[in-house]
């Protein structure tokens, strides 16, 4: 019986950038998929799939960091209607 070894190449990782529809905009509220306080998007870049976010901790201290947009969930803005 002949033993045949077949080599397979690993599939490349999907490094495609998210579409503009998936990318939150400045001022949007997002959460880390793994859980986080609400964070406000401070900056986005068309060249990288990262969003810079700001948030306050339980002590009122401000923090900022950049996260891959695939790691955050965008909270849709509630539409407000003003009736007169």
C-alpha atoms as a PDB file:
ATOM      1  CA  UNK A   1       0.000   0.000   0.000  1.00  0.00           C
ATOM      2  CA  UNK A   2       1.379   3.391  -0.980  1.00  0.00           C
ATOM      3  CA  UNK A   3       1.245   6.192   1.564  1.00  0.00           C
ATOM      4  CA  UNK A   4       0.712   9.525  -0.108  1.00  0.00           C
ATOM      5  CA  UNK A   5       1.309  12.711   1.813  1.00  0.00           C
ATOM      6  CA  UNK A   6      -0.739  15.659   0.621  1.00  0.00           C
ATOM      7  CA  UNK A   7       0.362  19.054   1.851  1.00  0.00           C
ATOM      8  CA  UNK A   8      -2.238  21.714   2.242  1.00  0.00           C
ATOM      9  CA  UNK A   9      -1.517  25.356   2.735  1.00  0.00           C
ATOM     10  CA  UNK A  10      -3.340  27.151   5.539  1.00  0.00           C
ATOM     11  CA  UNK A  11      -5.993  29.580   4.418  1.00  0.00           C
ATOM     12  CA  UNK A  12      -4.864  33.189   4.780  1.00  0.00           C
ATOM     13  CA  UNK A  13      -6.541  35.201   7.502  1.00  0.00           C
ATOM     14  CA  UNK A  14      -9.316  37.513   6.397  1.00  0.00           C
ATOM     15  CA  UNK A  15      -7.650  40.902   6.659  1.00  0.00           C
ATOM     16  CA  UNK A  16     -10.271  42.774   4.707  1.00  0.00           C
ATOM     17  CA  UNK A  17     -11.366  46.077   6.154  1.00  0.00           C
ATOM     18  CA  UNK A  18     -14.974  46.472   7.217  1.00  0.00           C
ATOM     19  CA  UNK A  19     -17.279  48.274   4.856  1.00  0.00           C
ATOM     20  CA  UNK A  20     -18.131  51.903   5.696  1.00  0.00           C
ATOM     21  CA  UNK A  21     -21.564  50.732   6.840  1.00  0.00           C
ATOM     22  CA  UNK A  22     -19.956  48.659   9.619  1.00  0.00           C
ATOM     23  CA  UNK A  23     -17.558  51.397  10.727  1.00  0.00           C
ATOM     24  CA  UNK A  24     -18.998  53.562  13.513  1.00  0.00           C
ATOM     25  CA  UNK A  25     -18.727  57.325  13.134  1.00  0.00           C
ATOM     26  CA  UNK A  26     -17.354  60.014  15.413  1.00  0.00           C
ATOM     27  CA  UNK A  27     -19.722  60.570  18.327  1.00  0.00           C
ATOM     28  CA  UNK A  28     -21.307  57.110  18.106  1.00  0.00           C
ATOM     29  CA  UNK A  29     -21.563  54.988  21.242  1.00  0.00           C
ATOM     30  CA  UNK A  30     -19.870  51.581  21.051  1.00  0.00           C
ATOM     31  CA  UNK A  31     -19.130  48.682  23.397  1.00  0.00           C
ATOM     32  CA  UNK A  32     -16.371  46.079  23.262  1.00  0.00           C
ATOM     33  CA  UNK A  33     -17.775  42.734  22.135  1.00  0.00           C
ATOM     34  CA  UNK A  34     -16.184  41.213  25.248  1.00  0.00           C
ATOM     35  CA  UNK A  35     -17.946  43.761  27.484  1.00  0.00           C
ATOM     36  CA  UNK A  36     -17.101  47.332  28.440  1.00  0.00           C
ATOM     37  CA  UNK A  37     -18.615  50.566  29.633  1.00  0.00           C
ATOM     38  CA  UNK A  38     -20.205  52.694  26.910  1.00  0.00           C
ATOM     39  CA  UNK A  39     -17.482  54.376  24.856  1.00  0.00           C
ATOM     40  CA  UNK A  40     -17.717  57.363  22.526  1.00  0.00           C
ATOM     41  CA  UNK A  41     -15.940  57.135  19.165  1.00  0.00           C
ATOM     42  CA  UNK A  42     -13.445  60.010  19.011  1.00  0.00           C
ATOM     43  CA  UNK A  43     -11.722  59.257  15.702  1.00  0.00           C
ATOM     44  CA  UNK A  44     -11.827  56.821  12.786  1.00  0.00           C
ATOM     45  CA  UNK A  45      -9.492  56.251   9.871  1.00  0.00           C
ATOM     46  CA  UNK A  46     -10.216  55.143   6.326  1.00  0.00           C
ATOM     47  CA  UNK A  47      -6.709  53.644   6.115  1.00  0.00           C
ATOM     48  CA  UNK A  48      -7.021  51.271   9.075  1.00  0.00           C
ATOM     49  CA  UNK A  49      -9.932  49.370  10.606  1.00  0.00           C
ATOM     50  CA  UNK A  50      -9.398  50.970  14.027  1.00  0.00           C
ATOM     51  CA  UNK A  51     -11.592  53.325  16.032  1.00  0.00           C
ATOM     52  CA  UNK A  52     -10.281  55.573  18.823  1.00  0.00           C
ATOM     53  CA  UNK A  53     -12.677  55.621  21.754  1.00  0.00           C
ATOM     54  CA  UNK A  54     -13.015  57.547  24.985  1.00  0.00           C
ATOM     55  CA  UNK A  55     -14.787  56.525  28.185  1.00  0.00           C
ATOM     56  CA  UNK A  56     -14.899  57.227  31.902  1.00  0.00           C
ATOM     57  CA  UNK A  57     -14.236  54.601  34.547  1.00  0.00           C
ATOM     58  CA  UNK A  58     -16.159  54.117  37.798  1.00  0.00           C
ATOM     59  CA  UNK A  59     -14.043  56.848  39.421  1.00  0.00           C
ATOM     60  CA  UNK A  60     -14.755  59.442  36.732  1.00  0.00           C
ATOM     61  CA  UNK A  61     -11.260  59.166  35.201  1.00  0.00           C
ATOM     62  CA  UNK A  62     -11.150  59.653  31.422  1.00  0.00           C
ATOM     63  CA  UNK A  63      -9.484  57.025  29.224  1.00  0.00           C
ATOM     64  CA  UNK A  64      -8.761  56.683  25.509  1.00  0.00           C
ATOM     65  CA  UNK A  65      -7.626  53.779  23.381  1.00  0.00           C
ATOM     66  CA  UNK A  66      -7.835  52.466  19.819  1.00  0.00           C
ATOM     67  CA  UNK A  67      -9.660  49.204  19.087  1.00  0.00           C
ATOM     68  CA  UNK A  68     -10.156  47.199  15.894  1.00  0.00           C
ATOM     69  CA  UNK A  69     -13.636  48.020  14.628  1.00  0.00           C
ATOM     70  CA  UNK A  70     -14.393  44.276  14.502  1.00  0.00           C
ATOM     71  CA  UNK A  71     -14.033  44.228  18.312  1.00  0.00           C
ATOM     72  CA  UNK A  72     -16.715  46.832  18.987  1.00  0.00           C
ATOM     73  CA  UNK A  73     -20.493  46.777  18.709  1.00  0.00           C
ATOM     74  CA  UNK A  74     -22.175  49.930  17.507  1.00  0.00           C
ATOM     75  CA  UNK A  75     -25.205  51.148  19.435  1.00  0.00           C
ATOM     76  CA  UNK A  76     -27.700  52.628  17.029  1.00  0.00           C
ATOM     77  CA  UNK A  77     -28.722  56.176  17.831  1.00  0.00           C
ATOM     78  CA  UNK A  78     -32.291  56.492  18.954  1.00  0.00           C
ATOM     79  CA  UNK A  79     -34.230  58.812  16.688  1.00  0.00           C
ATOM     80  CA  UNK A  80     -35.683  61.708  18.586  1.00  0.00           C
ATOM     81  CA  UNK A  81     -38.814  63.515  17.601  1.00  0.00           C
ATOM     82  CA  UNK A  82     -39.792  66.819  19.072  1.00  0.00           C
ATOM     83  CA  UNK A  83     -43.474  67.501  19.114  1.00  0.00           C
ATOM     84  CA  UNK A  84     -44.804  70.942  19.599  1.00  0.00           C
END
